[in-house]
Amino acid sequence: TFDKLTDVVARRVGRGTIGFHDHAEDKTPQHKQADLLNQITPEDLIEYGLIPEMIGRLPIITPLMPLDTDALVQILTEPRNALVRQYQKFVNMEDCELVFTEDGLQALAEKALARNTGARALRGVAEELMLDLLYELPTRGGGYRYSVTGEVVRGEADIIKEARKLKKESA
């Protein structure tokens, strides 16, 4: 949220080292940013532009690291009301089945990550993908399985529609 806050911390810390190699150039940009954010002080926040009255009311300052694709996939699938489950429920209401492949989930997470707004981007990306299907689903009829793959998410293919085998009830 606080863009360029790491620049303030880096100026204070003085990233130059003399005589010793701290392996800073071996780290990824995310690791370098995490190292800087872990060293943040109230003075850094004041220099960044936040008012001292507000900073004085914050007893603990904790940086939150950016989400990666694995975390976004977890957000898509693991909570009780996860987006994937919501869309599957909508499709089940029309007597169809919706399946997201691992590749499809990864592609969704990567697309959301590219928007640089964290987990909030997941809803927008998923909505863009599912809007047409959900709109047309009531007129298509039931008994189909729809698969969302990586190619579908990247726009290289349409959502895969196949006839689903009905489970036979045993008497």
Protein backbone atom coordinates (compact mmCIF):
# COMPACT_ATOMS: atom_id res chain seq x y z
CA THR A 1 0.00 0.00 0.00
CA PHE A 2 2.80 2.39 0.85
CA ASP A 3 4.60 2.57 -2.47
CA LYS A 4 8.27 3.56 -2.20
CA LEU A 5 8.36 3.19 1.60
CA THR A 6 11.28 0.83 1.13
CA ASP A 7 13.22 3.74 -0.42
CA VAL A 8 12.89 5.68 2.84
CA VAL A 9 14.11 2.70 4.87
CA ALA A 10 16.97 2.03 2.43
CA ARG A 11 18.18 5.64 2.75
CA ARG A 12 18.16 5.36 6.55
CA VAL A 13 19.84 1.96 6.63
CA GLY A 14 22.41 2.98 4.02
CA ARG A 15 22.56 -0.01 1.70
CA GLY A 16 26.23 0.48 0.96
CA THR A 17 28.57 -1.88 2.76
CA ILE A 18 32.30 -1.43 3.07
CA GLY A 19 34.59 -4.41 2.96
CA PHE A 20 32.06 -7.11 3.69
CA HIS A 21 29.77 -8.94 1.29
CA ASP A 22 26.22 -9.20 2.69
CA HIS A 23 24.88 -11.27 -0.21
CA ALA A 24 22.31 -8.54 -0.97
CA GLU A 25 22.84 -8.92 -4.70
CA ASP A 26 22.12 -12.65 -4.41
CA LYS A 27 18.58 -11.99 -3.16
CA THR A 28 15.47 -11.57 -5.26
CA PRO A 29 13.78 -8.13 -5.29
CA GLN A 30 11.01 -9.54 -3.07
CA HIS A 31 13.55 -10.70 -0.47
CA LYS A 32 15.33 -7.33 -0.56
CA GLN A 33 12.00 -5.54 -0.06
CA ALA A 34 11.08 -7.88 2.80
CA ASP A 35 14.43 -7.24 4.48
CA LEU A 36 13.86 -3.50 4.30
CA LEU A 37 10.26 -3.63 5.49
CA ASN A 38 11.30 -5.70 8.50
CA GLN A 39 13.54 -2.79 9.57
CA ILE A 40 10.86 -0.10 9.43
CA THR A 41 10.64 2.38 12.30
CA PRO A 42 8.05 5.02 13.25
CA GLU A 43 10.49 7.68 12.06
CA ASP A 44 10.47 6.10 8.59
CA LEU A 45 6.69 6.38 8.47
CA ILE A 46 6.82 10.03 9.53
CA GLU A 47 9.44 10.77 6.86
CA TYR A 48 7.24 8.97 4.34
CA GLY A 49 4.46 11.46 5.12
CA LEU A 50 2.20 9.99 7.77
CA ILE A 51 1.32 12.37 10.60
CA PRO A 52 3.06 11.85 13.95
CA GLU A 53 -0.27 11.86 15.83
CA MET A 54 -1.35 8.76 13.94
CA ILE A 55 2.01 7.02 14.25
CA GLY A 56 1.94 7.60 18.01
CA ARG A 57 -1.30 5.60 18.20
CA LEU A 58 0.22 2.56 16.48
CA PRO A 59 1.85 0.46 19.21
CA ILE A 60 3.06 -2.23 16.81
CA ILE A 61 4.18 -1.87 13.21
CA THR A 62 4.08 -5.07 11.21
CA PRO A 63 4.87 -5.26 7.49
CA LEU A 64 2.75 -7.50 5.29
CA MET A 65 4.60 -9.17 2.47
CA PRO A 66 3.12 -9.36 -1.02
CA LEU A 67 1.20 -12.51 -1.92
CA ASP A 68 2.65 -14.99 -4.40
CA THR A 69 0.80 -17.25 -6.81
CA ASP A 70 0.68 -20.16 -4.35
CA ALA A 71 -0.99 -17.97 -1.72
CA LEU A 72 -3.50 -16.70 -4.30
CA VAL A 73 -4.34 -20.28 -5.32
CA GLN A 74 -4.94 -21.09 -1.64
CA ILE A 75 -7.26 -18.10 -1.37
CA LEU A 76 -9.12 -19.28 -4.47
CA THR A 77 -9.66 -22.81 -3.16
CA GLU A 78 -9.28 -23.29 0.59
CA PRO A 79 -11.67 -21.01 2.49
CA ARG A 80 -15.17 -22.28 3.13
CA ASN A 81 -16.60 -19.58 0.84
CA ALA A 82 -13.75 -19.63 -1.71
CA LEU A 83 -14.36 -18.15 -5.16
CA VAL A 84 -13.92 -21.50 -6.89
CA ARG A 85 -16.57 -23.06 -4.65
CA GLN A 86 -18.94 -20.15 -5.25
CA TYR A 87 -18.71 -20.55 -9.02
CA GLN A 88 -19.07 -24.33 -8.74
CA LYS A 89 -22.24 -23.81 -6.69
CA PHE A 90 -23.69 -21.44 -9.32
CA VAL A 91 -23.00 -23.98 -12.06
CA ASN A 92 -24.37 -26.86 -9.96
CA MET A 93 -27.65 -24.95 -9.64
CA GLU A 94 -28.05 -25.47 -13.41
CA ASP A 95 -27.36 -29.23 -13.10
CA CYS A 96 -23.83 -28.89 -14.48
CA GLU A 97 -20.35 -29.29 -13.09
CA LEU A 98 -17.45 -26.83 -13.07
CA VAL A 99 -13.86 -28.05 -12.77
CA PHE A 100 -10.74 -25.90 -12.41
CA THR A 101 -7.49 -27.64 -13.35
CA GLU A 102 -4.30 -26.94 -11.40
CA ASP A 103 -2.96 -25.16 -14.47
CA GLY A 104 -6.14 -23.07 -14.62
CA LEU A 105 -5.87 -22.07 -10.96
CA GLN A 106 -2.20 -21.12 -11.43
CA ALA A 107 -3.06 -19.03 -14.49
CA LEU A 108 -5.86 -17.27 -12.58
CA ALA A 109 -3.46 -16.47 -9.76
CA GLU A 110 -0.79 -15.21 -12.17
CA LYS A 111 -3.30 -12.98 -13.92
CA ALA A 112 -4.45 -11.56 -10.58
CA LEU A 113 -0.84 -11.09 -9.47
CA ALA A 114 -0.15 -9.04 -12.59
CA ARG A 115 -2.82 -6.53 -11.50
CA ASN A 116 -0.72 -5.83 -8.42
CA THR A 117 -3.69 -5.40 -6.08
CA GLY A 118 -3.30 -8.58 -4.03
CA ALA A 119 -6.19 -10.94 -3.41
CA ARG A 120 -8.74 -8.27 -4.42
CA ALA A 121 -7.82 -8.93 -8.05
CA LEU A 122 -8.99 -12.55 -7.85
CA ARG A 123 -12.69 -11.63 -7.96
CA GLY A 124 -12.23 -9.39 -11.00
CA VAL A 125 -10.17 -11.92 -12.94
CA ALA A 126 -12.57 -14.75 -12.14
CA GLU A 127 -15.61 -12.62 -12.97
CA GLU A 128 -14.20 -11.71 -16.39
CA LEU A 129 -13.61 -15.39 -17.08
CA MET A 130 -16.95 -16.72 -15.84
CA LEU A 131 -19.35 -13.92 -16.85
CA ASP A 132 -20.36 -15.28 -20.26
CA LEU A 133 -20.74 -18.85 -19.03
CA LEU A 134 -22.90 -17.86 -16.07
CA TYR A 135 -25.04 -15.65 -18.28
CA GLU A 136 -25.64 -18.33 -20.92
CA LEU A 137 -25.78 -21.35 -18.61
CA PRO A 138 -29.56 -21.34 -17.96
CA THR A 139 -30.27 -21.62 -21.70
CA ARG A 140 -27.64 -24.29 -22.41
CA GLY A 141 -29.31 -27.05 -20.42
CA GLY A 142 -27.90 -29.37 -17.80
CA GLY A 143 -25.72 -32.44 -17.81
CA TYR A 144 -22.43 -30.82 -18.86
CA ARG A 145 -19.02 -30.50 -17.28
CA TYR A 146 -17.18 -27.24 -17.88
CA SER A 147 -13.41 -27.24 -17.43
CA VAL A 148 -11.29 -24.17 -16.83
CA THR A 149 -7.69 -24.75 -17.89
CA GLY A 150 -4.67 -22.50 -18.17
CA GLU A 151 -5.36 -21.98 -21.88
CA VAL A 152 -8.89 -20.86 -21.06
CA VAL A 153 -7.66 -18.33 -18.49
CA ARG A 154 -5.01 -16.96 -20.86
CA GLY A 155 -7.66 -16.54 -23.58
CA GLU A 156 -6.16 -19.17 -25.87
CA ALA A 157 -9.28 -21.38 -25.76
CA ASP A 158 -12.93 -21.33 -24.71
CA ILE A 159 -14.19 -23.02 -21.58
CA ILE A 160 -14.22 -26.73 -22.35
CA LYS A 161 -17.73 -28.18 -22.43
CA GLU A 162 -18.20 -31.93 -22.35
CA ALA A 163 -21.13 -34.20 -21.62
CA ARG A 164 -20.95 -35.43 -18.08
CA LYS A 165 -21.78 -38.97 -17.09
CA LEU A 166 -24.67 -39.06 -14.69
CA LYS A 167 -24.08 -41.03 -11.51
CA LYS A 168 -26.40 -44.03 -11.39
CA GLU A 169 -28.29 -44.47 -8.18
CA SER A 170 -28.04 -47.96 -6.75
CA ALA A 171 -31.30 -49.50 -5.62
